[in-house]
């Protein structure tokens, strides 16, 4: 493997360098991107203790526990020049794009990325707009600790544990709340590749389109001048309804003398006359 790596970066001719890098990509894929360790047979289902094994719902704890691979291995071959778009058999409304493959155990990878990272990867196409939103939300809110369940279920269990510890120690609710908040501060676990990314100050994302952050609070709120506000209050008084003024933003009325803000014009102050 070291010899192939050195040959890929030895600065040979363009055609020879391309062939060497192609060989390196093939070797990397064989070394780091194969999912062929199911026990007792690679072509079969995984053993219950393997990291990719997931128990079929309804069979856990019975004498007929069934497991499947949560990475969907082994995968079907796809002929070159073709592709398949299929719904995930265990996740409804999740569609997966399967491109050409001649190996049932090879994980998806991009040649340029695997050459740059020199590590295993799993690249997949997101086929719907909702899938993009769900994927981003999943990883932004991802909990890195050893916990299961939805975020709300994890928070409930953490709060119950904090209450129990406070009661055992003879302390009150304030101590329980403090313990609960401390339990929610979980350290983030990041890979060596991500550490290197931050140290080299690389961009946090790559996108073919320019993205501008928009703050639309001021555009959403309705702009009202004082006269409109008085009319709203008068209508509300007649109807007997209460009016919330939190969404009403008065507009600065210009001064009739200088066309600037009335509050800063000396001629708008009572007792001051314009010469």
Protein backbone atom coordinates (compact mmCIF):
# COMPACT_ATOMS: atom_id res chain seq x y z
CA UNK A 1 0.00 0.00 0.00
CA UNK A 2 2.85 2.41 0.82
CA UNK A 3 4.51 1.69 -2.54
CA UNK A 4 1.27 2.52 -4.40
CA UNK A 5 0.89 5.73 -2.37
CA UNK A 6 4.44 6.86 -3.16
CA UNK A 7 4.02 6.05 -6.86
CA UNK A 8 0.87 8.21 -6.98
CA UNK A 9 2.77 11.30 -5.77
CA UNK A 10 6.23 10.78 -7.26
CA UNK A 11 5.80 13.48 -9.93
CA UNK A 12 5.96 11.19 -12.99
CA UNK A 13 4.48 12.07 -16.38
CA UNK A 14 0.85 13.07 -16.68
CA UNK A 15 -0.35 9.75 -18.13
CA UNK A 16 1.67 7.67 -15.67
CA UNK A 17 0.56 9.81 -12.71
CA UNK A 18 -3.08 9.34 -13.71
CA UNK A 19 -2.67 5.56 -13.84
CA UNK A 20 -0.88 5.55 -10.48
CA UNK A 21 -3.63 7.60 -8.84
CA UNK A 22 -6.25 5.33 -10.38
CA UNK A 23 -4.49 2.32 -8.83
CA UNK A 24 -4.36 4.13 -5.49
CA UNK A 25 -8.11 4.83 -5.59
CA UNK A 26 -8.79 1.16 -6.33
CA UNK A 27 -6.57 0.02 -3.45
CA UNK A 28 -8.13 2.52 -1.06
CA UNK A 29 -11.61 1.33 -1.96
CA UNK A 30 -10.58 -2.28 -1.34
CA UNK A 31 -8.95 -1.43 2.00
CA UNK A 32 -11.34 1.02 3.62
CA UNK A 33 -14.70 0.98 1.81
CA UNK A 34 -15.64 -2.71 1.84
CA UNK A 35 -18.49 -3.90 4.07
CA UNK A 36 -17.86 -7.65 3.97
CA UNK A 37 -17.57 -8.62 7.64
CA UNK A 38 -21.01 -10.08 8.36
CA UNK A 39 -20.81 -13.20 10.53
CA UNK A 40 -20.83 -16.03 9.89
CA UNK A 41 -21.10 -15.28 6.13
CA UNK A 42 -20.44 -12.02 4.28
CA UNK A 43 -23.38 -12.66 1.95
CA UNK A 44 -25.75 -13.25 4.87
CA UNK A 45 -27.23 -11.22 7.71
CA UNK A 46 -24.97 -9.77 10.44
CA UNK A 47 -24.57 -11.29 13.87
CA UNK A 48 -26.45 -9.70 16.76
CA UNK A 49 -23.29 -8.22 18.32
CA UNK A 50 -21.98 -6.56 15.17
CA UNK A 51 -22.03 -2.76 14.92
CA UNK A 52 -24.23 -2.70 11.81
CA UNK A 53 -26.79 -5.16 13.21
CA UNK A 54 -30.25 -3.90 14.05
CA UNK A 55 -33.00 -6.04 15.55
CA UNK A 56 -36.26 -6.44 13.64
CA UNK A 57 -39.08 -4.76 15.52
CA UNK A 58 -41.16 -7.19 17.54
CA UNK A 59 -38.48 -9.88 17.79
CA UNK A 60 -36.16 -8.33 20.39
CA UNK A 61 -36.09 -10.32 23.64
CA UNK A 62 -37.75 -13.37 22.09
CA UNK A 63 -36.19 -16.69 21.19
CA UNK A 64 -36.51 -15.75 17.50
CA UNK A 65 -34.55 -12.51 17.34
CA UNK A 66 -33.91 -11.39 13.77
CA UNK A 67 -31.25 -8.91 12.71
CA UNK A 68 -30.61 -6.97 9.55
CA UNK A 69 -27.81 -4.70 8.34
CA UNK A 70 -28.69 -1.04 8.91
CA UNK A 71 -26.30 -0.13 6.05
CA UNK A 72 -28.27 -2.26 3.56
CA UNK A 73 -25.49 -4.76 2.81
CA UNK A 74 -25.05 -6.84 0.77
CA UNK A 75 -26.38 -4.61 -2.02
CA UNK A 76 -27.60 -5.60 -5.45
CA UNK A 77 -25.36 -5.14 -8.46
CA UNK A 78 -26.30 -2.46 -10.97
CA UNK A 79 -25.28 -2.69 -14.62
CA UNK A 80 -22.90 -0.01 -15.97
CA UNK A 81 -24.72 2.90 -17.57
CA UNK A 82 -27.87 2.32 -15.51
CA UNK A 83 -29.20 3.41 -12.13
CA UNK A 84 -32.04 2.55 -9.76
CA UNK A 85 -34.20 4.78 -7.58
CA UNK A 86 -35.81 2.61 -4.91
CA UNK A 87 -37.67 3.24 -1.67
CA UNK A 88 -35.84 2.08 1.43
CA UNK A 89 -37.54 -1.16 2.53
CA UNK A 90 -37.44 -0.12 6.21
CA UNK A 91 -37.94 3.65 5.95
CA UNK A 92 -41.02 4.72 4.05
CA UNK A 93 -40.76 7.80 1.81
CA UNK A 94 -36.94 7.57 1.84
CA UNK A 95 -35.67 6.96 -1.69
CA UNK A 96 -32.12 5.82 -2.42
CA UNK A 97 -30.28 6.25 -5.69
CA UNK A 98 -28.18 3.19 -6.58
CA UNK A 99 -25.61 3.84 -9.29
CA UNK A 100 -23.61 1.29 -11.26
CA UNK A 101 -21.78 -1.23 -9.09
CA UNK A 102 -20.15 -4.61 -9.71
CA UNK A 103 -19.56 -5.50 -6.04
CA UNK A 104 -22.19 -6.25 -3.40
CA UNK A 105 -19.97 -5.10 -0.53
CA UNK A 106 -18.47 -1.85 -1.81
CA UNK A 107 -19.74 1.28 -0.08
CA UNK A 108 -20.50 4.39 -2.15
CA UNK A 109 -17.51 6.66 -2.69
CA UNK A 110 -16.31 9.48 -4.91
CA UNK A 111 -12.85 8.85 -6.45
CA UNK A 112 -11.61 12.44 -5.99
CA UNK A 113 -12.82 12.62 -2.38
CA UNK A 114 -11.41 9.27 -1.33
CA UNK A 115 -8.09 10.24 -2.91
CA UNK A 116 -8.08 13.50 -0.93
CA UNK A 117 -9.26 12.03 2.39
CA UNK A 118 -7.42 8.68 2.26
CA UNK A 119 -10.20 7.32 4.48
CA UNK A 120 -13.48 5.45 4.28
CA UNK A 121 -16.55 7.36 3.21
CA UNK A 122 -20.23 6.91 2.35
CA UNK A 123 -21.48 9.40 -0.22
CA UNK A 124 -25.17 9.33 -1.11
CA UNK A 125 -27.49 11.42 -3.27
CA UNK A 126 -30.37 13.17 -1.50
CA UNK A 127 -33.33 12.82 -3.84
CA UNK A 128 -35.92 15.21 -2.32
CA UNK A 129 -36.01 18.72 -0.84
CA UNK A 130 -37.49 17.30 2.36
CA UNK A 131 -34.60 14.86 2.53
CA UNK A 132 -32.14 17.78 2.51
CA UNK A 133 -33.95 19.51 5.39
CA UNK A 134 -34.21 16.27 7.36
CA UNK A 135 -30.54 15.42 6.85
CA UNK A 136 -29.31 18.84 7.98
CA UNK A 137 -31.66 18.86 10.99
CA UNK A 138 -30.54 15.37 11.99
CA UNK A 139 -26.86 16.29 12.18
CA UNK A 140 -27.34 19.74 13.70
CA UNK A 141 -29.32 18.21 16.58
CA UNK A 142 -27.32 14.99 16.78
CA UNK A 143 -26.51 13.83 20.31
CA UNK A 144 -23.01 12.38 20.56
CA UNK A 145 -23.47 10.54 23.85
CA UNK A 146 -24.46 6.92 24.34
CA UNK A 147 -28.22 7.46 24.39
CA UNK A 148 -31.24 6.22 22.46
CA UNK A 149 -34.66 7.61 21.66
CA UNK A 150 -35.90 10.97 20.47
CA UNK A 151 -34.36 14.19 21.88
CA UNK A 152 -37.50 14.71 24.00
CA UNK A 153 -37.28 11.20 25.45
CA UNK A 154 -33.61 11.67 26.28
CA UNK A 155 -34.37 15.00 27.98
CA UNK A 156 -37.18 13.42 30.01
CA UNK A 157 -34.92 10.61 31.21
CA UNK A 158 -32.17 13.07 32.07
CA UNK A 159 -34.59 15.21 34.10
CA UNK A 160 -35.94 12.15 35.96
CA UNK A 161 -32.37 11.12 36.82
CA UNK A 162 -31.57 14.64 38.04
CA UNK A 163 -34.67 14.67 40.29
CA UNK A 164 -33.82 11.28 41.72
CA UNK A 165 -30.21 12.30 42.49
CA UNK A 166 -31.37 15.54 44.12
CA UNK A 167 -33.88 13.72 46.31
CA UNK A 168 -31.29 11.12 47.31
CA UNK A 169 -28.87 13.91 48.31
CA UNK A 170 -31.61 15.71 50.25
CA UNK A 171 -31.58 18.73 47.96
CA UNK A 172 -34.39 20.70 46.37
CA UNK A 173 -35.71 21.42 42.90
CA UNK A 174 -33.06 24.07 42.16
CA UNK A 175 -30.30 21.48 42.50
CA UNK A 176 -32.24 19.08 40.28
CA UNK A 177 -32.64 21.70 37.54
CA UNK A 178 -28.92 22.55 37.73
CA UNK A 179 -27.99 18.87 37.41
CA UNK A 180 -30.36 18.53 34.47
CA UNK A 181 -28.79 21.46 32.57
CA UNK A 182 -25.31 20.15 33.28
CA UNK A 183 -26.29 16.73 31.89
CA UNK A 184 -27.37 18.35 28.61
CA UNK A 185 -23.91 19.83 28.01
CA UNK A 186 -22.43 16.85 26.19
CA UNK A 187 -18.95 17.02 24.65
CA UNK A 188 -18.92 16.87 20.88
CA UNK A 189 -17.02 14.00 19.29
CA UNK A 190 -15.37 14.90 15.98
CA UNK A 191 -13.07 12.94 13.71
CA UNK A 192 -9.42 13.62 12.93
CA UNK A 193 -10.45 14.78 9.46
CA UNK A 194 -12.80 17.38 10.95
CA UNK A 195 -10.09 18.58 13.35
CA UNK A 196 -7.71 19.05 10.40
CA UNK A 197 -10.46 20.87 8.51
CA UNK A 198 -10.85 23.41 11.33
CA UNK A 199 -7.08 23.80 11.86
CA UNK A 200 -6.51 24.60 8.18
CA UNK A 201 -9.39 27.09 8.33
CA UNK A 202 -11.17 25.49 5.38
CA UNK A 203 -14.69 26.71 4.50
CA UNK A 204 -17.51 25.11 6.47
CA UNK A 205 -19.41 24.23 3.28
CA UNK A 206 -19.02 24.13 -0.49
CA UNK A 207 -21.90 25.28 -2.64
CA UNK A 208 -22.30 26.15 -6.32
CA UNK A 209 -24.65 29.01 -5.43
CA UNK A 210 -24.15 32.10 -3.29
CA UNK A 211 -26.17 32.02 -0.07
CA UNK A 212 -27.10 35.24 1.71
CA UNK A 213 -28.54 35.29 5.21
CA UNK A 214 -31.78 37.28 5.31
CA UNK A 215 -33.19 38.87 8.45
CA UNK A 216 -36.84 39.39 7.67
CA UNK A 217 -38.19 40.36 11.11
CA UNK A 218 -38.43 44.01 10.13
CA UNK A 219 -40.12 43.12 6.81
CA UNK A 220 -42.66 40.83 8.49
CA UNK A 221 -43.72 43.39 11.05
CA UNK A 222 -46.27 45.87 9.75
CA UNK A 223 -45.21 49.50 9.70
CA UNK A 224 -47.89 51.84 11.08
CA UNK A 225 -47.84 55.60 11.47
CA UNK A 226 -49.33 57.15 14.64
CA UNK A 227 -52.62 57.99 12.88
CA UNK A 228 -53.15 54.34 11.88
CA UNK A 229 -52.41 53.22 15.42
CA UNK A 230 -55.02 55.67 16.79
CA UNK A 231 -57.58 54.38 14.29
CA UNK A 232 -56.87 50.76 15.31
CA UNK A 233 -57.28 51.63 18.97
CA UNK A 234 -60.53 53.48 18.29
CA UNK A 235 -62.00 50.51 16.39
CA UNK A 236 -60.89 48.14 19.13
CA UNK A 237 -62.50 50.36 21.81
CA UNK A 238 -65.82 50.33 19.94
CA UNK A 239 -65.78 46.55 19.53
CA UNK A 240 -64.65 45.92 23.11
CA UNK A 241 -61.69 43.80 22.00
CA UNK A 242 -58.20 43.96 23.43
CA UNK A 243 -55.39 44.90 21.06
CA UNK A 244 -51.79 43.73 21.33
CA UNK A 245 -49.44 46.45 20.16
CA UNK A 246 -46.29 44.29 20.03
CA UNK A 247 -46.53 44.01 16.24
CA UNK A 248 -47.11 47.74 15.70
CA UNK A 249 -44.00 49.76 14.90
CA UNK A 250 -44.52 53.54 14.68
CA UNK A 251 -42.92 55.32 11.75
CA UNK A 252 -40.76 58.37 12.44
CA UNK A 253 -42.72 61.40 11.22
CA UNK A 254 -40.51 63.91 9.33
CA UNK A 255 -40.28 67.50 10.51
CA UNK A 256 -42.22 70.07 8.47
CA UNK A 257 -39.39 72.60 8.82
CA UNK A 258 -36.27 70.68 7.86
CA UNK A 259 -37.65 67.31 6.54
CA UNK A 260 -35.43 65.53 9.11
CA UNK A 261 -36.49 63.59 12.23
CA UNK A 262 -38.89 65.73 14.28
CA UNK A 263 -37.27 64.67 17.57
CA UNK A 264 -33.90 66.20 16.61
CA UNK A 265 -35.15 69.42 14.99
CA UNK A 266 -34.80 72.47 17.31
CA UNK A 267 -37.66 74.26 15.57
CA UNK A 268 -40.11 71.45 16.45
CA UNK A 269 -39.50 71.97 20.18
CA UNK A 270 -42.27 73.93 21.91
CA UNK A 271 -41.25 77.57 22.56
CA UNK A 272 -38.65 77.68 19.76
CA UNK A 273 -39.54 79.75 16.71
CA UNK A 274 -37.97 79.56 13.31
CA UNK A 275 -36.27 82.79 12.20
